[in-house]
Amino acid sequence: MKPTKKTLVIGASDNPERYSYKAMHLLKRHGHPIIGIGKKAVQVADTTVQTGLPELSDIDTVTLYVNPVHQEAYYNYILSMHPKRVIFNPGTENPEFEDRLEAAGIQAQEACTLVLLSTGQY
């Protein structure tokens, strides 16, 4: 059994068409504890999506589903958590933030969370 990775999904949505919604369900199916942050407090994969910047600890992975324009509000928040890695899903690539993460010793990975989970690379 692979170790579980507590994962923060930023840009969580209760819209089944959104990739963040699909990722939360797949993460849960793979046994990873999930926390979602989004615009609305909604239920996704039996998890209440939080709003704002809640105090969190022991985050292994942050997976982003917000475009680079909206990521800046999360820079210091994510850096302060010291996750092992941040996944930039397609459309969220952000060289400026990726450089800041790498400089802080946090792995910045341009990848698709759904593909990583489906291929056993998560």
N, C-alpha and C. Protein backbone atom coordinates (compact mmCIF):
# COMPACT_ATOMS: atom_id res chain seq x y z
N MET A 1 0.85 -1.19 0.00
CA MET A 1 0.00 0.00 0.00
C MET A 1 0.89 1.25 0.00
N LYS A 2 0.62 2.13 -0.93
CA LYS A 2 1.39 3.36 -1.03
C LYS A 2 1.02 4.29 0.12
N PRO A 3 1.97 5.11 0.57
CA PRO A 3 1.63 6.06 1.63
C PRO A 3 0.63 7.10 1.11
N THR A 4 -0.22 7.57 2.01
CA THR A 4 -1.19 8.59 1.60
C THR A 4 -0.52 9.96 1.69
N LYS A 5 -1.00 10.87 0.85
CA LYS A 5 -0.46 12.21 0.79
C LYS A 5 -1.58 13.20 1.00
N LYS A 6 -1.56 13.87 2.15
CA LYS A 6 -2.58 14.87 2.44
C LYS A 6 -2.49 15.97 1.39
N THR A 7 -3.59 16.15 0.66
CA THR A 7 -3.58 17.02 -0.51
C THR A 7 -4.58 18.17 -0.36
N LEU A 8 -4.09 19.37 -0.65
CA LEU A 8 -4.92 20.57 -0.67
C LEU A 8 -5.25 20.90 -2.12
N VAL A 9 -6.54 20.94 -2.43
CA VAL A 9 -7.01 21.29 -3.76
C VAL A 9 -7.46 22.75 -3.73
N ILE A 10 -6.73 23.61 -4.43
CA ILE A 10 -7.10 25.03 -4.48
C ILE A 10 -7.82 25.29 -5.80
N GLY A 11 -9.04 25.81 -5.67
CA GLY A 11 -9.90 26.00 -6.83
C GLY A 11 -10.97 24.92 -6.86
N ALA A 12 -11.26 24.34 -5.70
CA ALA A 12 -12.25 23.26 -5.58
C ALA A 12 -13.63 23.77 -5.99
N SER A 13 -14.36 22.91 -6.70
CA SER A 13 -15.68 23.26 -7.20
C SER A 13 -16.61 22.06 -7.07
N ASP A 14 -17.91 22.35 -6.89
CA ASP A 14 -18.89 21.26 -6.83
C ASP A 14 -19.52 21.00 -8.20
N ASN A 15 -18.94 21.58 -9.25
CA ASN A 15 -19.40 21.36 -10.61
C ASN A 15 -18.73 20.09 -11.15
N PRO A 16 -19.51 19.04 -11.41
CA PRO A 16 -18.93 17.76 -11.87
C PRO A 16 -18.13 17.87 -13.17
N GLU A 17 -18.32 18.96 -13.92
CA GLU A 17 -17.56 19.16 -15.17
C GLU A 17 -16.15 19.68 -14.90
N ARG A 18 -15.90 20.19 -13.72
CA ARG A 18 -14.60 20.81 -13.40
C ARG A 18 -13.58 19.73 -13.03
N TYR A 19 -12.33 19.96 -13.45
CA TYR A 19 -11.28 18.99 -13.14
C TYR A 19 -10.98 18.93 -11.65
N SER A 20 -11.15 20.04 -10.93
CA SER A 20 -10.91 20.01 -9.49
C SER A 20 -11.88 19.05 -8.81
N TYR A 21 -13.12 19.02 -9.27
CA TYR A 21 -14.14 18.12 -8.73
C TYR A 21 -13.72 16.67 -8.99
N LYS A 22 -13.31 16.38 -10.22
CA LYS A 22 -12.88 15.03 -10.59
C LYS A 22 -11.65 14.62 -9.78
N ALA A 23 -10.73 15.56 -9.60
CA ALA A 23 -9.51 15.26 -8.85
C ALA A 23 -9.82 14.93 -7.39
N MET A 24 -10.72 15.70 -6.77
CA MET A 24 -11.05 15.42 -5.36
C MET A 24 -11.63 14.02 -5.21
N HIS A 25 -12.50 13.62 -6.13
CA HIS A 25 -13.09 12.28 -6.05
C HIS A 25 -12.03 11.21 -6.28
N LEU A 26 -11.13 11.42 -7.24
CA LEU A 26 -10.11 10.42 -7.54
C LEU A 26 -9.07 10.34 -6.42
N LEU A 27 -8.70 11.49 -5.85
CA LEU A 27 -7.77 11.49 -4.71
C LEU A 27 -8.36 10.67 -3.56
N LYS A 28 -9.64 10.92 -3.28
CA LYS A 28 -10.31 10.20 -2.19
C LYS A 28 -10.36 8.70 -2.49
N ARG A 29 -10.68 8.33 -3.75
CA ARG A 29 -10.73 6.92 -4.14
C ARG A 29 -9.38 6.25 -3.97
N HIS A 30 -8.31 7.02 -4.14
CA HIS A 30 -6.96 6.49 -3.97
C HIS A 30 -6.49 6.54 -2.51
N GLY A 31 -7.37 7.00 -1.61
CA GLY A 31 -7.06 6.97 -0.18
C GLY A 31 -6.31 8.16 0.36
N HIS A 32 -6.19 9.23 -0.44
CA HIS A 32 -5.47 10.42 0.03
C HIS A 32 -6.44 11.34 0.79
N PRO A 33 -6.04 11.80 1.99
CA PRO A 33 -6.88 12.79 2.69
C PRO A 33 -6.91 14.08 1.87
N ILE A 34 -8.10 14.66 1.72
CA ILE A 34 -8.21 15.86 0.90
C ILE A 34 -8.80 17.04 1.67
N ILE A 35 -8.35 18.21 1.30
CA ILE A 35 -8.90 19.47 1.79
C ILE A 35 -9.12 20.32 0.55
N GLY A 36 -10.27 20.95 0.46
CA GLY A 36 -10.55 21.80 -0.68
C GLY A 36 -10.74 23.25 -0.26
N ILE A 37 -10.22 24.15 -1.07
CA ILE A 37 -10.46 25.58 -0.89
C ILE A 37 -11.07 26.08 -2.19
N GLY A 38 -12.16 26.81 -2.08
CA GLY A 38 -12.82 27.34 -3.26
C GLY A 38 -13.56 28.62 -2.95
N LYS A 39 -14.32 29.08 -3.94
CA LYS A 39 -15.08 30.33 -3.78
C LYS A 39 -16.30 30.14 -2.89
N LYS A 40 -16.85 28.90 -2.89
CA LYS A 40 -18.07 28.63 -2.13
C LYS A 40 -17.86 27.45 -1.19
N ALA A 41 -18.50 27.51 -0.02
CA ALA A 41 -18.48 26.38 0.91
C ALA A 41 -19.51 25.38 0.42
N VAL A 42 -19.02 24.34 -0.25
CA VAL A 42 -19.88 23.31 -0.82
C VAL A 42 -19.34 21.94 -0.42
N GLN A 43 -20.09 20.89 -0.70
CA GLN A 43 -19.65 19.52 -0.42
C GLN A 43 -19.12 18.88 -1.70
N VAL A 44 -17.93 18.33 -1.64
CA VAL A 44 -17.35 17.59 -2.76
C VAL A 44 -16.67 16.35 -2.18
N ALA A 45 -17.02 15.19 -2.68
CA ALA A 45 -16.40 13.92 -2.24
C ALA A 45 -16.45 13.79 -0.71
N ASP A 46 -17.62 14.07 -0.13
CA ASP A 46 -17.83 13.99 1.32
C ASP A 46 -16.91 14.93 2.10
N THR A 47 -16.46 15.99 1.47
CA THR A 47 -15.57 16.96 2.11
C THR A 47 -16.17 18.35 1.95
N THR A 48 -16.16 19.12 3.02
CA THR A 48 -16.64 20.50 2.92
C THR A 48 -15.53 21.37 2.38
N VAL A 49 -15.78 22.01 1.26
CA VAL A 49 -14.82 22.93 0.67
C VAL A 49 -14.83 24.20 1.53
N GLN A 50 -13.64 24.65 1.90
CA GLN A 50 -13.51 25.84 2.73
C GLN A 50 -13.26 27.06 1.85
N THR A 51 -13.54 28.22 2.41
CA THR A 51 -13.27 29.47 1.70
C THR A 51 -12.18 30.22 2.45
N GLY A 52 -11.61 31.21 1.81
CA GLY A 52 -10.56 31.99 2.46
C GLY A 52 -9.26 31.22 2.53
N LEU A 53 -8.48 31.51 3.58
CA LEU A 53 -7.17 30.88 3.77
C LEU A 53 -7.13 30.21 5.14
N PRO A 54 -7.78 29.05 5.28
CA PRO A 54 -7.82 28.37 6.59
C PRO A 54 -6.43 27.92 7.03
N GLU A 55 -6.23 27.87 8.34
CA GLU A 55 -4.96 27.40 8.88
C GLU A 55 -4.88 25.89 8.71
N LEU A 56 -3.84 25.44 7.99
CA LEU A 56 -3.69 24.02 7.71
C LEU A 56 -2.27 23.59 8.07
N SER A 57 -2.11 22.28 8.32
CA SER A 57 -0.77 21.77 8.60
C SER A 57 -0.61 20.40 7.96
N ASP A 58 0.63 19.97 7.87
CA ASP A 58 0.98 18.64 7.34
C ASP A 58 0.46 18.41 5.92
N ILE A 59 0.50 19.43 5.08
CA ILE A 59 0.09 19.28 3.69
C ILE A 59 1.26 18.72 2.90
N ASP A 60 1.06 17.59 2.24
CA ASP A 60 2.10 17.00 1.41
C ASP A 60 2.11 17.65 0.03
N THR A 61 0.92 17.75 -0.57
CA THR A 61 0.80 18.22 -1.94
C THR A 61 -0.30 19.27 -2.05
N VAL A 62 0.00 20.34 -2.80
CA VAL A 62 -1.02 21.32 -3.17
C VAL A 62 -1.23 21.15 -4.67
N THR A 63 -2.49 20.99 -5.09
CA THR A 63 -2.77 20.90 -6.52
C THR A 63 -3.64 22.08 -6.91
N LEU A 64 -3.17 22.83 -7.90
CA LEU A 64 -3.80 24.09 -8.27
C LEU A 64 -4.76 23.96 -9.43
N TYR A 65 -5.93 24.56 -9.26
CA TYR A 65 -6.94 24.65 -10.31
C TYR A 65 -7.41 26.10 -10.44
N VAL A 66 -6.51 27.05 -10.24
CA VAL A 66 -6.82 28.47 -10.43
C VAL A 66 -5.78 29.03 -11.41
N ASN A 67 -6.22 29.94 -12.28
CA ASN A 67 -5.28 30.43 -13.28
C ASN A 67 -4.25 31.36 -12.63
N PRO A 68 -3.13 31.55 -13.30
CA PRO A 68 -2.02 32.32 -12.71
C PRO A 68 -2.40 33.69 -12.18
N VAL A 69 -3.36 34.36 -12.82
CA VAL A 69 -3.78 35.69 -12.37
C VAL A 69 -4.31 35.64 -10.94
N HIS A 70 -4.99 34.55 -10.60
CA HIS A 70 -5.59 34.42 -9.26
C HIS A 70 -4.68 33.70 -8.26
N GLN A 71 -3.55 33.21 -8.72
CA GLN A 71 -2.65 32.48 -7.81
C GLN A 71 -1.90 33.39 -6.85
N GLU A 72 -1.66 34.61 -7.26
CA GLU A 72 -0.83 35.51 -6.45
C GLU A 72 -1.36 35.63 -5.02
N ALA A 73 -2.67 35.61 -4.86
CA ALA A 73 -3.28 35.70 -3.53
C ALA A 73 -2.89 34.52 -2.65
N TYR A 74 -2.41 33.43 -3.26
CA TYR A 74 -2.06 32.22 -2.51
C TYR A 74 -0.55 32.03 -2.33
N TYR A 75 0.28 32.84 -2.95
CA TYR A 75 1.73 32.65 -2.91
C TYR A 75 2.24 32.44 -1.48
N ASN A 76 2.07 33.45 -0.63
CA ASN A 76 2.62 33.37 0.73
C ASN A 76 1.93 32.28 1.55
N TYR A 77 0.65 32.09 1.30
CA TYR A 77 -0.13 31.06 2.01
C TYR A 77 0.47 29.68 1.74
N ILE A 78 0.70 29.38 0.48
CA ILE A 78 1.26 28.08 0.11
C ILE A 78 2.69 27.95 0.60
N LEU A 79 3.49 28.98 0.41
CA LEU A 79 4.88 28.95 0.87
C LEU A 79 4.96 28.71 2.37
N SER A 80 4.05 29.31 3.14
CA SER A 80 4.08 29.18 4.60
C SER A 80 3.75 27.76 5.07
N MET A 81 3.06 26.98 4.22
CA MET A 81 2.70 25.60 4.57
C MET A 81 3.85 24.62 4.36
N HIS A 82 4.82 25.01 3.56
CA HIS A 82 5.96 24.15 3.22
C HIS A 82 5.54 22.76 2.75
N PRO A 83 4.65 22.69 1.74
CA PRO A 83 4.31 21.36 1.22
C PRO A 83 5.52 20.77 0.52
N LYS A 84 5.49 19.46 0.28
CA LYS A 84 6.59 18.83 -0.46
C LYS A 84 6.57 19.25 -1.92
N ARG A 85 5.34 19.40 -2.47
CA ARG A 85 5.24 19.80 -3.88
C ARG A 85 3.93 20.54 -4.15
N VAL A 86 3.98 21.28 -5.27
CA VAL A 86 2.80 21.98 -5.78
C VAL A 86 2.64 21.53 -7.23
N ILE A 87 1.45 21.01 -7.54
CA ILE A 87 1.16 20.56 -8.90
C ILE A 87 0.43 21.67 -9.64
N PHE A 88 1.00 22.07 -10.76
CA PHE A 88 0.38 23.06 -11.64
C PHE A 88 -0.33 22.28 -12.75
N ASN A 89 -1.64 22.15 -12.63
CA ASN A 89 -2.43 21.43 -13.62
C ASN A 89 -2.48 22.23 -14.92
N PRO A 90 -2.81 21.57 -16.04
CA PRO A 90 -2.85 22.29 -17.32
C PRO A 90 -3.67 23.58 -17.23
N GLY A 91 -3.08 24.66 -17.70
CA GLY A 91 -3.73 25.96 -17.65
C GLY A 91 -3.36 26.78 -16.43
N THR A 92 -2.64 26.17 -15.48
CA THR A 92 -2.26 26.90 -14.26
C THR A 92 -0.76 27.18 -14.20
N GLU A 93 -0.03 26.81 -15.25
CA GLU A 93 1.43 26.98 -15.25
C GLU A 93 1.78 28.43 -14.95
N ASN A 94 2.79 28.61 -14.09
CA ASN A 94 3.15 29.95 -13.62
C ASN A 94 4.64 29.99 -13.29
N PRO A 95 5.50 30.26 -14.28
CA PRO A 95 6.96 30.23 -14.06
C PRO A 95 7.42 31.09 -12.88
N GLU A 96 6.82 32.25 -12.68
CA GLU A 96 7.22 33.13 -11.56
C GLU A 96 7.02 32.43 -10.22
N PHE A 97 5.84 31.85 -10.01
CA PHE A 97 5.54 31.17 -8.75
C PHE A 97 6.34 29.87 -8.64
N GLU A 98 6.49 29.16 -9.75
CA GLU A 98 7.27 27.92 -9.74
C GLU A 98 8.70 28.20 -9.29
N ASP A 99 9.29 29.29 -9.76
CA ASP A 99 10.65 29.66 -9.35
C ASP A 99 10.71 29.96 -7.86
N ARG A 100 9.70 30.67 -7.35
CA ARG A 100 9.67 30.99 -5.91
C ARG A 100 9.56 29.72 -5.06
N LEU A 101 8.74 28.78 -5.52
CA LEU A 101 8.58 27.52 -4.79
C LEU A 101 9.90 26.76 -4.77
N GLU A 102 10.51 26.62 -5.93
CA GLU A 102 11.78 25.88 -6.03
C GLU A 102 12.85 26.53 -5.15
N ALA A 103 12.88 27.86 -5.13
CA ALA A 103 13.86 28.57 -4.29
C ALA A 103 13.64 28.29 -2.81
N ALA A 104 12.38 27.96 -2.45
CA ALA A 104 12.04 27.64 -1.06
C ALA A 104 12.18 26.14 -0.77
N GLY A 105 12.67 25.38 -1.75
CA GLY A 105 12.86 23.95 -1.54
C GLY A 105 11.60 23.13 -1.72
N ILE A 106 10.62 23.69 -2.43
CA ILE A 106 9.35 23.00 -2.68
C ILE A 106 9.31 22.62 -4.16
N GLN A 107 9.01 21.36 -4.44
CA GLN A 107 8.96 20.89 -5.82
C GLN A 107 7.76 21.51 -6.54
N ALA A 108 8.02 22.14 -7.69
CA ALA A 108 6.96 22.65 -8.55
C ALA A 108 6.85 21.70 -9.73
N GLN A 109 5.67 21.14 -9.93
CA GLN A 109 5.49 20.11 -10.95
C GLN A 109 4.36 20.50 -11.90
N GLU A 110 4.68 20.67 -13.18
CA GLU A 110 3.65 20.92 -14.18
C GLU A 110 3.14 19.56 -14.63
N ALA A 111 1.93 19.22 -14.19
CA ALA A 111 1.37 17.89 -14.48
C ALA A 111 -0.13 17.93 -14.26
N CYS A 112 -0.78 16.85 -14.61
CA CYS A 112 -2.21 16.70 -14.39
C CYS A 112 -2.42 15.71 -13.24
N THR A 113 -3.03 16.17 -12.18
CA THR A 113 -3.28 15.32 -11.02
C THR A 113 -4.02 14.04 -11.41
N LEU A 114 -5.01 14.17 -12.30
CA LEU A 114 -5.79 12.99 -12.72
C LEU A 114 -4.90 11.97 -13.41
N VAL A 115 -3.98 12.44 -14.26
CA VAL A 115 -3.08 11.53 -14.96
C VAL A 115 -2.09 10.89 -13.98
N LEU A 116 -1.53 11.69 -13.07
CA LEU A 116 -0.61 11.16 -12.07
C LEU A 116 -1.26 10.04 -11.25
N LEU A 117 -2.50 10.26 -10.83
CA LEU A 117 -3.22 9.25 -10.05
C LEU A 117 -3.51 8.01 -10.90
N SER A 118 -3.95 8.23 -12.12
CA SER A 118 -4.34 7.11 -13.00
C SER A 118 -3.17 6.24 -13.41
N THR A 119 -1.96 6.82 -13.44
CA THR A 119 -0.79 6.08 -13.87
C THR A 119 0.11 5.64 -12.72
N GLY A 120 -0.37 5.85 -11.48
CA GLY A 120 0.39 5.41 -10.31
C GLY A 120 1.61 6.26 -10.03
N GLN A 121 1.67 7.48 -10.55
CA GLN A 121 2.83 8.35 -10.32
C GLN A 121 2.59 9.41 -9.25
N TYR A 122 1.41 9.38 -8.61
CA TYR A 122 1.11 10.39 -7.62
C TYR A 122 1.95 10.16 -6.37
